[in-house]
Amino acid sequence: MKQLKTVLIGIVIGLAIGMALGFNMGRDKPLLSNPFERETLGDRIKRLSSEALEQSGKALEKSGQELQDKLKKQ
């Protein structure tokens, strides 16, 4: 009976920790951060704008590299 109680408590604690970690992974947040913390609109705008800037920089760099390769072939 004592073993069953220990196993059930372990399952409940493991489930709670697993859900919190999974929720953070789904939101692309650090694993050990507060899963109930709300992201403000300002923080969301900063994050999305920095991601967009990074992606556009990569695309610009790739197209520049392709142009250089094209010029070298001529």
C-alpha atoms as a PDB file:
ATOM      1  CA  MET A   1       0.000   0.000   0.000  1.00  0.00           C
ATOM      2  CA  LYS A   2       2.854   2.361   0.836  1.00  0.00           C
ATOM      3  CA  GLN A   3       4.543   1.605  -2.502  1.00  0.00           C
ATOM      4  CA  LEU A   4       1.350   2.362  -4.413  1.00  0.00           C
ATOM      5  CA  LYS A   5       1.019   5.710  -2.636  1.00  0.00           C
ATOM      6  CA  THR A   6       4.643   6.566  -3.454  1.00  0.00           C
ATOM      7  CA  VAL A   7       4.193   5.620  -7.111  1.00  0.00           C
ATOM      8  CA  LEU A   8       1.007   7.688  -7.432  1.00  0.00           C
ATOM      9  CA  ILE A   9       2.630  10.736  -5.834  1.00  0.00           C
ATOM     10  CA  GLY A  10       5.601  10.347  -8.176  1.00  0.00           C
ATOM     11  CA  ILE A  11       3.318  10.151 -11.193  1.00  0.00           C
ATOM     12  CA  VAL A  12       1.372  13.257 -10.150  1.00  0.00           C
ATOM     13  CA  ILE A  13       4.538  15.291  -9.522  1.00  0.00           C
ATOM     14  CA  GLY A  14       6.135  14.067 -12.747  1.00  0.00           C
ATOM     15  CA  LEU A  15       3.001  14.931 -14.712  1.00  0.00           C
ATOM     16  CA  ALA A  16       2.881  18.458 -13.281  1.00  0.00           C
ATOM     17  CA  ILE A  17       6.562  19.108 -14.034  1.00  0.00           C
ATOM     18  CA  GLY A  18       6.258  17.581 -17.512  1.00  0.00           C
ATOM     19  CA  MET A  19       3.256  19.737 -18.372  1.00  0.00           C
ATOM     20  CA  ALA A  20       5.009  22.923 -17.246  1.00  0.00           C
ATOM     21  CA  LEU A  21       8.133  22.085 -19.261  1.00  0.00           C
ATOM     22  CA  GLY A  22       6.070  21.136 -22.296  1.00  0.00           C
ATOM     23  CA  PHE A  23       4.084  24.350 -22.090  1.00  0.00           C
ATOM     24  CA  ASN A  24       7.309  26.387 -22.031  1.00  0.00           C
ATOM     25  CA  MET A  25       8.712  24.426 -24.974  1.00  0.00           C
ATOM     26  CA  GLY A  26       5.553  25.116 -26.947  1.00  0.00           C
ATOM     27  CA  ARG A  27       5.914  28.840 -26.354  1.00  0.00           C
ATOM     28  CA  ASP A  28       9.642  28.874 -27.229  1.00  0.00           C
ATOM     29  CA  LYS A  29      10.523  30.070 -23.735  1.00  0.00           C
ATOM     30  CA  PRO A  30      13.300  28.851 -21.433  1.00  0.00           C
ATOM     31  CA  LEU A  31      12.341  25.541 -19.842  1.00  0.00           C
ATOM     32  CA  LEU A  32      12.537  26.662 -16.221  1.00  0.00           C
ATOM     33  CA  SER A  33      10.683  29.958 -16.674  1.00  0.00           C
ATOM     34  CA  ASN A  34       7.248  30.640 -15.217  1.00  0.00           C
ATOM     35  CA  PRO A  35       4.714  28.958 -17.534  1.00  0.00           C
ATOM     36  CA  PHE A  36       1.897  31.253 -16.324  1.00  0.00           C
ATOM     37  CA  GLU A  37       3.717  34.524 -17.008  1.00  0.00           C
ATOM     38  CA  ARG A  38       1.951  36.667 -19.585  1.00  0.00           C
ATOM     39  CA  GLU A  39       3.998  38.184 -22.393  1.00  0.00           C
ATOM     40  CA  THR A  40       3.202  41.880 -22.728  1.00  0.00           C
ATOM     41  CA  LEU A  41       2.398  43.403 -26.089  1.00  0.00           C
ATOM     42  CA  GLY A  42       5.629  45.408 -26.028  1.00  0.00           C
ATOM     43  CA  ASP A  43       7.724  42.304 -25.382  1.00  0.00           C
ATOM     44  CA  ARG A  44       5.931  40.426 -28.159  1.00  0.00           C
ATOM     45  CA  ILE A  45       6.546  43.279 -30.621  1.00  0.00           C
ATOM     46  CA  LYS A  46      10.240  43.424 -29.699  1.00  0.00           C
ATOM     47  CA  ARG A  47      10.633  39.671 -30.106  1.00  0.00           C
ATOM     48  CA  LEU A  48       8.796  39.490 -33.423  1.00  0.00           C
ATOM     49  CA  SER A  49      10.587  42.512 -34.873  1.00  0.00           C
ATOM     50  CA  SER A  50      14.002  41.148 -33.944  1.00  0.00           C
ATOM     51  CA  GLU A  51      13.097  37.778 -35.510  1.00  0.00           C
ATOM     52  CA  ALA A  52      11.893  39.493 -38.683  1.00  0.00           C
ATOM     53  CA  LEU A  53      15.046  41.607 -38.855  1.00  0.00           C
ATOM     54  CA  GLU A  54      17.227  38.533 -38.408  1.00  0.00           C
ATOM     55  CA  GLN A  55      15.387  36.584 -41.117  1.00  0.00           C
ATOM     56  CA  SER A  56      15.531  39.482 -43.576  1.00  0.00           C
ATOM     57  CA  GLY A  57      19.256  39.859 -42.907  1.00  0.00           C
ATOM     58  CA  LYS A  58      19.811  36.187 -43.662  1.00  0.00           C
ATOM     59  CA  ALA A  59      17.777  36.435 -46.878  1.00  0.00           C
ATOM     60  CA  LEU A  60      19.717  39.526 -47.968  1.00  0.00           C
ATOM     61  CA  GLU A  61      23.020  37.818 -47.221  1.00  0.00           C
ATOM     62  CA  LYS A  62      21.969  34.735 -49.185  1.00  0.00           C
ATOM     63  CA  SER A  63      20.890  36.748 -52.219  1.00  0.00           C
ATOM     64  CA  GLY A  64      24.115  38.755 -52.095  1.00  0.00           C
ATOM     65  CA  GLN A  65      26.122  35.543 -52.026  1.00  0.00           C
ATOM     66  CA  GLU A  66      24.183  34.205 -55.025  1.00  0.00           C
ATOM     67  CA  LEU A  67      24.883  37.411 -56.959  1.00  0.00           C
ATOM     68  CA  GLN A  68      28.594  37.153 -56.171  1.00  0.00           C
ATOM     69  CA  ASP A  69      28.629  33.539 -57.335  1.00  0.00           C
ATOM     70  CA  LYS A  70      26.840  34.526 -60.544  1.00  0.00           C
ATOM     71  CA  LEU A  71      29.362  37.292 -61.234  1.00  0.00           C
ATOM     72  CA  LYS A  72      32.297  34.926 -60.644  1.00  0.00           C
ATOM     73  CA  LYS A  73      30.915  32.464 -63.206  1.00  0.00           C
ATOM     74  CA  GLN A  74      30.786  35.120 -65.944  1.00  0.00           C
END
